[in-house]
Protein backbone atom coordinates (compact mmCIF):
# COMPACT_ATOMS: atom_id res chain seq x y z
CA MET A 1 -189.17 81.35 -128.56
CA TYR A 2 -186.78 81.08 -132.04
CA PHE A 3 -183.39 82.23 -131.00
CA ILE A 4 -181.74 84.25 -133.75
CA GLU A 5 -178.44 82.15 -133.73
CA ASN A 6 -180.98 79.22 -135.34
CA LEU A 7 -182.96 80.36 -137.55
CA LYS A 8 -182.58 79.33 -141.60
CA ASP A 9 -184.78 80.95 -144.58
CA GLY A 10 -187.41 79.32 -144.86
CA ASP A 11 -188.70 79.95 -141.29
CA HIS A 12 -192.02 81.68 -139.42
CA VAL A 13 -191.10 83.28 -137.04
CA SER A 14 -193.67 84.16 -133.88
CA GLY A 15 -192.11 84.70 -130.32
CA VAL A 16 -190.80 88.22 -128.27
CA TYR A 17 -187.17 90.23 -129.54
CA PHE A 18 -185.38 93.33 -128.45
CA CYS A 19 -186.31 95.98 -131.03
CA LYS A 20 -182.56 97.44 -130.72
CA ASN A 21 -183.28 100.11 -133.72
CA LYS A 22 -186.47 101.42 -135.94
CA GLN A 23 -185.55 103.62 -138.46
CA MET A 24 -188.67 105.04 -141.26
CA LEU A 25 -187.58 105.13 -144.80
CA THR A 26 -188.84 105.44 -147.70
CA GLY A 27 -188.28 103.36 -151.11
CA LYS A 28 -187.15 103.33 -154.74
CA SER A 29 -191.12 103.45 -155.40
CA LYS A 30 -191.75 106.65 -152.87
CA LYS A 31 -193.79 104.20 -150.72
CA PRO A 32 -192.60 103.82 -146.83
CA TYR A 33 -191.68 101.35 -144.83
CA CYS A 34 -189.78 100.33 -141.72
CA SER A 35 -186.63 99.08 -141.32
CA LEU A 36 -185.40 97.05 -137.72
CA THR A 37 -183.19 95.64 -135.75
CA LEU A 38 -184.48 92.68 -133.83
CA GLN A 39 -181.98 91.29 -131.37
CA ASP A 40 -182.17 88.73 -128.50
CA LYS A 41 -178.94 87.33 -126.63
CA THR A 42 -177.63 84.80 -129.23
CA GLY A 43 -177.70 88.29 -132.12
CA THR A 44 -179.31 90.38 -134.18
CA LEU A 45 -181.28 90.13 -136.95
CA ASP A 46 -182.41 92.49 -139.90
CA ALA A 47 -186.45 93.27 -140.43
CA LYS A 48 -188.43 94.91 -142.23
CA ILE A 49 -192.22 96.17 -142.13
CA TRP A 50 -193.90 96.30 -146.09
CA ASP A 51 -197.39 96.56 -145.20
CA PHE A 52 -198.89 98.90 -141.95
CA THR A 53 -202.43 97.45 -142.59
CA GLY A 54 -204.03 94.53 -140.72
CA GLY A 55 -201.81 93.23 -137.78
CA ILE A 56 -198.64 96.52 -137.01
CA GLU A 57 -199.63 98.12 -133.68
CA ASP A 58 -197.43 100.78 -132.60
CA PHE A 59 -194.55 100.93 -131.10
CA GLU A 60 -191.04 103.07 -130.34
CA ASN A 61 -187.28 101.82 -131.09
CA LEU A 62 -185.94 99.52 -127.31
CA ASP A 63 -189.68 98.43 -126.72
CA PHE A 64 -189.74 94.84 -126.38
CA ILE A 65 -192.57 92.96 -129.33
CA PHE A 66 -194.52 90.50 -130.18
CA VAL A 67 -193.39 89.78 -133.26
CA GLU A 68 -194.42 87.37 -136.73
CA GLY A 69 -193.28 86.88 -140.01
CA ASP A 70 -190.97 85.27 -142.55
CA ILE A 71 -187.50 84.31 -142.86
CA THR A 72 -186.07 84.78 -146.05
CA THR A 73 -182.45 85.60 -147.79
CA TYR A 74 -181.53 89.07 -149.23
CA ASN A 75 -178.01 90.06 -150.06
CA GLY A 76 -176.94 86.88 -148.24
CA ASN A 77 -178.38 87.43 -144.81
CA LEU A 78 -180.92 86.74 -143.41
CA GLN A 79 -184.48 89.02 -143.03
CA CYS A 80 -188.02 89.05 -141.26
CA ALA A 81 -190.62 89.64 -143.30
CA LEU A 82 -192.62 90.89 -140.45
CA ARG A 83 -196.75 90.70 -141.00
CA ARG A 84 -197.87 91.39 -137.49
CA VAL A 85 -195.87 93.76 -134.51
CA ARG A 86 -197.15 94.65 -131.28
CA VAL A 87 -195.61 95.92 -127.83
CA ALA A 88 -195.40 93.16 -125.22
CA ASP A 89 -195.85 92.82 -122.41
CA GLU A 90 -194.06 92.97 -119.46
CA GLY A 91 -194.64 89.14 -118.45
CA GLU A 92 -193.60 87.74 -122.29
CA TYR A 93 -189.80 87.50 -121.76
CA VAL A 94 -187.46 87.08 -119.75
CA LEU A 95 -184.25 89.90 -119.88
CA LYS A 96 -181.73 87.75 -119.87
CA ASP A 97 -182.60 86.37 -123.43
CA TYR A 98 -182.47 89.01 -125.00
CA LEU A 99 -179.64 91.40 -122.77
CA PRO A 100 -176.58 90.51 -121.08
CA VAL A 101 -176.57 89.37 -117.45
CA SER A 102 -174.40 89.23 -114.20
CA ALA A 103 -173.72 85.45 -114.66
CA LYS A 104 -173.63 85.64 -110.57
CA ASP A 105 -176.91 85.40 -108.44
CA ASN A 106 -177.75 88.77 -107.55
CA ASP A 107 -179.82 87.52 -104.23
CA GLN A 108 -176.72 86.11 -102.87
CA MET A 109 -174.71 89.19 -104.17
CA TYR A 110 -177.18 91.70 -102.43
CA ALA A 111 -176.77 89.46 -99.34
CA GLU A 112 -172.69 89.63 -98.94
CA LEU A 113 -173.32 93.82 -99.16
CA CYS A 114 -175.56 94.08 -96.51
CA ALA A 115 -173.88 91.21 -94.48
CA MET A 116 -170.35 94.06 -95.36
CA ILE A 117 -173.10 96.57 -94.34
CA ASP A 118 -173.63 95.56 -90.69
CA SER A 119 -169.65 94.43 -90.58
CA VAL A 120 -168.70 98.15 -90.77
CA LYS A 121 -168.86 99.34 -86.62
CA GLU A 122 -169.43 103.29 -86.73
CA PRO A 123 -172.60 103.81 -86.28
CA HIS A 124 -172.98 106.98 -88.59
CA LEU A 125 -171.53 104.94 -90.95
CA GLN A 126 -173.43 102.14 -91.24
CA ALA A 127 -176.26 104.97 -90.76
CA LEU A 128 -175.81 105.94 -93.82
CA LEU A 129 -174.97 102.72 -96.00
CA LYS A 130 -178.56 101.62 -94.25
CA ASN A 131 -180.36 104.75 -96.29
CA ILE A 132 -178.47 104.47 -98.90
CA LEU A 133 -178.88 101.25 -99.51
CA VAL A 134 -181.27 99.08 -97.87
CA GLU A 135 -184.17 101.54 -96.37
CA ASP A 136 -184.40 103.81 -99.74
CA GLU A 137 -185.99 101.06 -101.85
CA ARG A 138 -185.80 103.15 -105.30
CA VAL A 139 -181.99 102.80 -104.95
CA VAL A 140 -181.67 99.45 -103.72
CA LYS A 141 -184.15 98.04 -107.11
CA ALA A 142 -182.06 100.51 -109.59
CA PHE A 143 -178.73 99.40 -108.08
CA ARG A 144 -179.52 95.92 -107.66
CA ARG A 145 -179.98 96.35 -111.60
CA HIS A 146 -177.52 98.56 -113.22
CA SER A 147 -174.57 98.44 -115.19
CA ALA A 148 -171.41 99.31 -113.68
CA ALA A 149 -170.58 100.57 -117.43
CA LYS A 150 -171.31 101.72 -120.66
CA SER A 151 -169.39 99.27 -122.34
CA VAL A 152 -165.71 99.07 -120.60
CA HIS A 153 -166.27 96.74 -117.64
CA HIS A 154 -169.44 95.01 -115.58
CA SER A 155 -171.05 96.40 -118.51
CA PHE A 156 -174.76 94.19 -117.87
CA ILE A 157 -177.47 93.42 -115.45
CA GLY A 158 -176.00 93.34 -112.17
CA GLY A 159 -172.83 94.48 -112.81
CA LEU A 160 -172.71 97.78 -110.42
CA LEU A 161 -173.92 95.18 -107.52
CA GLU A 162 -171.23 92.68 -108.85
CA HIS A 163 -168.14 94.83 -109.33
CA THR A 164 -169.65 96.88 -105.65
CA VAL A 165 -169.23 93.77 -103.67
CA SER A 166 -165.26 92.73 -105.48
CA VAL A 167 -164.61 95.88 -104.95
CA THR A 168 -165.29 96.11 -100.97
CA LYS A 169 -163.98 91.83 -100.44
CA LEU A 170 -160.84 93.46 -101.97
CA CYS A 171 -160.63 96.42 -99.09
CA ASP A 172 -161.44 94.10 -96.38
CA PHE A 173 -158.53 91.68 -97.43
CA TYR A 174 -156.88 95.19 -97.49
CA SER A 175 -157.91 95.85 -94.08
CA LYS A 176 -157.01 92.76 -93.05
CA LEU A 177 -153.46 92.71 -94.69
CA TYR A 178 -152.69 96.05 -93.61
CA PRO A 179 -154.43 96.87 -89.62
CA PHE A 180 -153.63 100.57 -90.46
CA LEU A 181 -156.35 101.23 -92.29
CA ASN A 182 -159.85 102.32 -90.92
CA ARG A 183 -161.79 99.75 -92.53
CA ASP A 184 -165.02 101.07 -91.46
CA LEU A 185 -164.44 104.65 -93.67
CA LEU A 186 -162.96 101.93 -96.21
CA LEU A 187 -165.42 99.53 -96.46
CA SER A 188 -168.49 102.59 -96.47
CA ALA A 189 -166.47 104.62 -99.75
CA ALA A 190 -165.83 100.72 -100.97
CA MET A 191 -170.43 100.53 -101.04
CA LEU A 192 -170.64 103.70 -101.91
CA HIS A 193 -167.96 104.48 -104.49
CA ASP A 194 -170.21 104.78 -107.85
CA ILE A 195 -173.64 105.50 -106.36
CA GLY A 196 -173.56 108.10 -109.29
CA LYS A 197 -173.36 106.05 -111.63
CA LEU A 198 -177.32 104.86 -110.70
CA TRP A 199 -177.99 108.93 -112.49
CA GLU A 200 -174.49 108.82 -115.34
CA ILE A 201 -175.94 105.96 -117.53
CA SER A 202 -179.41 105.32 -117.85
CA ASP A 203 -181.31 101.89 -116.91
CA PHE A 204 -181.23 99.25 -120.06
CA PRO A 205 -182.18 98.21 -122.49
CA ALA A 206 -180.63 101.22 -123.76
CA ASN A 207 -177.92 101.55 -120.87
CA ASP A 208 -176.14 105.37 -122.49
CA TYR A 209 -174.71 108.10 -120.85
CA THR A 210 -177.33 111.14 -119.57
CA ASP A 211 -177.29 114.72 -119.68
CA ASP A 212 -175.64 115.05 -115.82
CA GLY A 213 -173.72 112.07 -116.82
CA GLN A 214 -171.50 113.90 -119.94
CA LEU A 215 -172.35 117.69 -118.10
CA LEU A 216 -170.95 116.22 -114.59
CA GLY A 217 -170.23 112.65 -114.03
CA HIS A 218 -170.88 109.65 -111.42
CA ILE A 219 -168.41 111.22 -108.78
CA VAL A 220 -169.74 114.38 -109.02
CA MET A 221 -173.58 112.92 -107.77
CA GLY A 222 -172.42 110.45 -105.86
CA TYR A 223 -170.49 113.88 -103.60
CA GLU A 224 -173.81 115.28 -103.53
CA LEU A 225 -175.63 111.82 -102.76
CA ILE A 226 -173.68 110.90 -100.17
CA GLY A 227 -173.80 114.99 -98.39
CA LYS A 228 -177.14 115.38 -98.30
CA ARG A 229 -178.05 112.07 -96.59
CA ILE A 230 -175.52 112.80 -94.48
CA ALA A 231 -177.54 115.87 -93.68
CA LEU A 232 -180.05 113.39 -92.40
CA ILE A 233 -178.02 111.58 -89.58
CA PRO A 234 -177.77 113.18 -86.87
CA ASP A 235 -174.74 114.39 -84.82
CA PHE A 236 -172.56 112.51 -88.33
CA PRO A 237 -168.92 114.10 -87.34
CA LYS A 238 -167.80 116.32 -89.34
CA LYS A 239 -164.41 114.82 -90.60
CA THR A 240 -165.89 111.41 -91.09
CA ALA A 241 -168.00 113.00 -93.80
CA SER A 242 -165.07 115.04 -95.37
CA GLU A 243 -162.75 111.92 -94.74
CA LEU A 244 -165.21 109.82 -96.65
CA ARG A 245 -165.91 112.44 -99.21
CA HIS A 246 -162.29 112.79 -100.09
CA CYS A 247 -162.65 108.87 -100.72
CA ILE A 248 -165.26 109.24 -103.31
CA LEU A 249 -163.94 111.45 -104.49
CA ALA A 250 -160.68 110.01 -105.27
CA HIS A 251 -161.58 106.63 -106.30
CA HIS A 252 -160.21 107.55 -109.38
CA GLY A 253 -156.89 108.15 -108.50
CA GLU A 254 -155.22 110.60 -111.01
CA TYR A 255 -156.49 113.58 -112.95
CA GLU A 256 -156.60 112.16 -116.00
CA PHE A 257 -159.12 109.61 -115.38
CA GLY A 258 -161.46 111.92 -114.12
CA SER A 259 -160.66 111.88 -110.87
CA PRO A 260 -161.42 115.40 -108.93
CA LYS A 261 -158.81 114.90 -106.42
CA LYS A 262 -156.34 112.48 -106.12
CA PRO A 263 -155.55 110.12 -103.15
CA GLU A 264 -154.63 112.20 -99.63
CA LEU A 265 -155.60 109.67 -97.87
CA VAL A 266 -154.39 105.90 -97.20
CA GLU A 267 -157.83 104.14 -97.00
CA ALA A 268 -158.63 106.60 -100.73
CA MET A 269 -155.72 105.09 -102.10
CA ALA A 270 -156.29 101.27 -101.41
CA LEU A 271 -159.91 102.69 -102.48
CA HIS A 272 -158.43 103.51 -105.94
CA MET A 273 -155.88 100.48 -106.10
CA ALA A 274 -159.10 97.96 -105.60
CA ASP A 275 -161.27 99.77 -107.48
CA ASN A 276 -158.80 100.34 -110.98
CA THR A 277 -158.05 95.89 -109.86
CA ASP A 278 -161.31 95.40 -110.70
CA ALA A 279 -162.06 96.64 -113.70
CA LYS A 280 -158.78 95.73 -114.89
CA ILE A 281 -158.93 92.09 -114.09
CA GLU A 282 -162.61 91.72 -116.00
CA THR A 283 -162.21 94.23 -118.57
CA PHE A 284 -159.59 90.72 -119.68
CA ILE A 285 -162.28 88.10 -118.47
CA GLU A 286 -164.56 89.97 -121.30
CA ALA A 287 -162.28 90.57 -123.44
CA LEU A 288 -160.50 86.81 -123.88
CA ASP A 289 -164.45 85.85 -123.01
CA ALA A 290 -165.34 88.02 -126.79
CA GLN A 291 -163.05 85.40 -128.63
CA LYS A 292 -163.29 81.81 -127.03
CA ALA A 293 -161.77 80.35 -129.60
CA ASN A 294 -158.53 82.41 -130.20
CA ASN A 295 -156.15 81.20 -127.84
CA ASP A 296 -153.28 82.51 -130.06
CA TRP A 297 -152.68 86.46 -129.81
CA LEU A 298 -156.02 89.15 -129.07
CA GLY A 299 -154.50 92.30 -130.80
CA PHE A 300 -153.88 95.56 -129.04
CA ASN A 301 -156.86 96.05 -126.60
CA ARG A 302 -157.34 99.71 -125.98
CA PHE A 303 -158.58 99.65 -122.69
CA LEU A 304 -155.75 98.03 -121.67
CA ASP A 305 -153.24 99.40 -123.14
CA ALA A 306 -152.29 96.61 -124.21
CA ASN A 307 -151.95 93.14 -126.84
CA ILE A 308 -152.96 90.67 -124.87
CA ARG A 309 -152.83 86.89 -124.76
CA ARG A 310 -154.28 84.09 -123.00
CA THR A 311 -152.58 82.32 -120.04
CA THR A 312 -151.25 78.62 -121.21
CA PRO A 313 -153.39 76.03 -119.51
CA SER A 314 -151.40 74.50 -116.76
CA GLN A 315 -150.05 70.97 -117.15
CA GLN A 316 -151.44 68.61 -115.00
């Protein structure tokens, strides 16, 4: 594969790229042409289809496409004139070459999640967790692949699993530091707090808000799913069900952050703190990683509401 960052004027391109954008346009001569933005993990490339005869097959925006073409320079930027295009077969590409993927091992993270489910002693809560996160193959597949956000934090493949495991580990730590906490309730809420994001945000490569995501949001959809699954478990304690669902409703902490309820249980407060801690630290890390060469002030970050800077390295 020819990674975009390595391409230069005069190169012949032959390989699979992600079609980030596709537009049908009309030139000055009234002849139609197609303008594309090709993407891989190293960047994007402007591409054009001037002639639709021959090897140009049907494809859509957000498809992975196999292309052949030639690189030229136009107005100081590289551009690829495509002569062949077709939709790529699934086995012709690896997602991590084109889209952001968690740096952590997905199998290891899911094994950690399953171990934490097994550590929950309350049988009804454990049954609920297994019903959703172990036995439901469609949910498990989506949960392991999904992002945790469109852009703010953990907005990569495997991001939802990574965020959930981190929040659950923080909650487990809280339960040891503060034995007063109901560990089974807190860890169950941590593992399910963002389950609604499976329906709030579309799958990659789009990774954008769905209609239900805009109209309802992940808190409401997660609350609804948990209520439906609780109804399938015989003799699920009513108070435990209410306390768990309260934790889900209150995990954003404040009304202005989209929380339908403020935390009224100590476990709900602990979950909110763990969720906010992991989200804010990951946001900070991603902002620093985006400007690795800059050791000065990085400017104002609207998600952190502060001007941020990299910490001075420790002197050994």
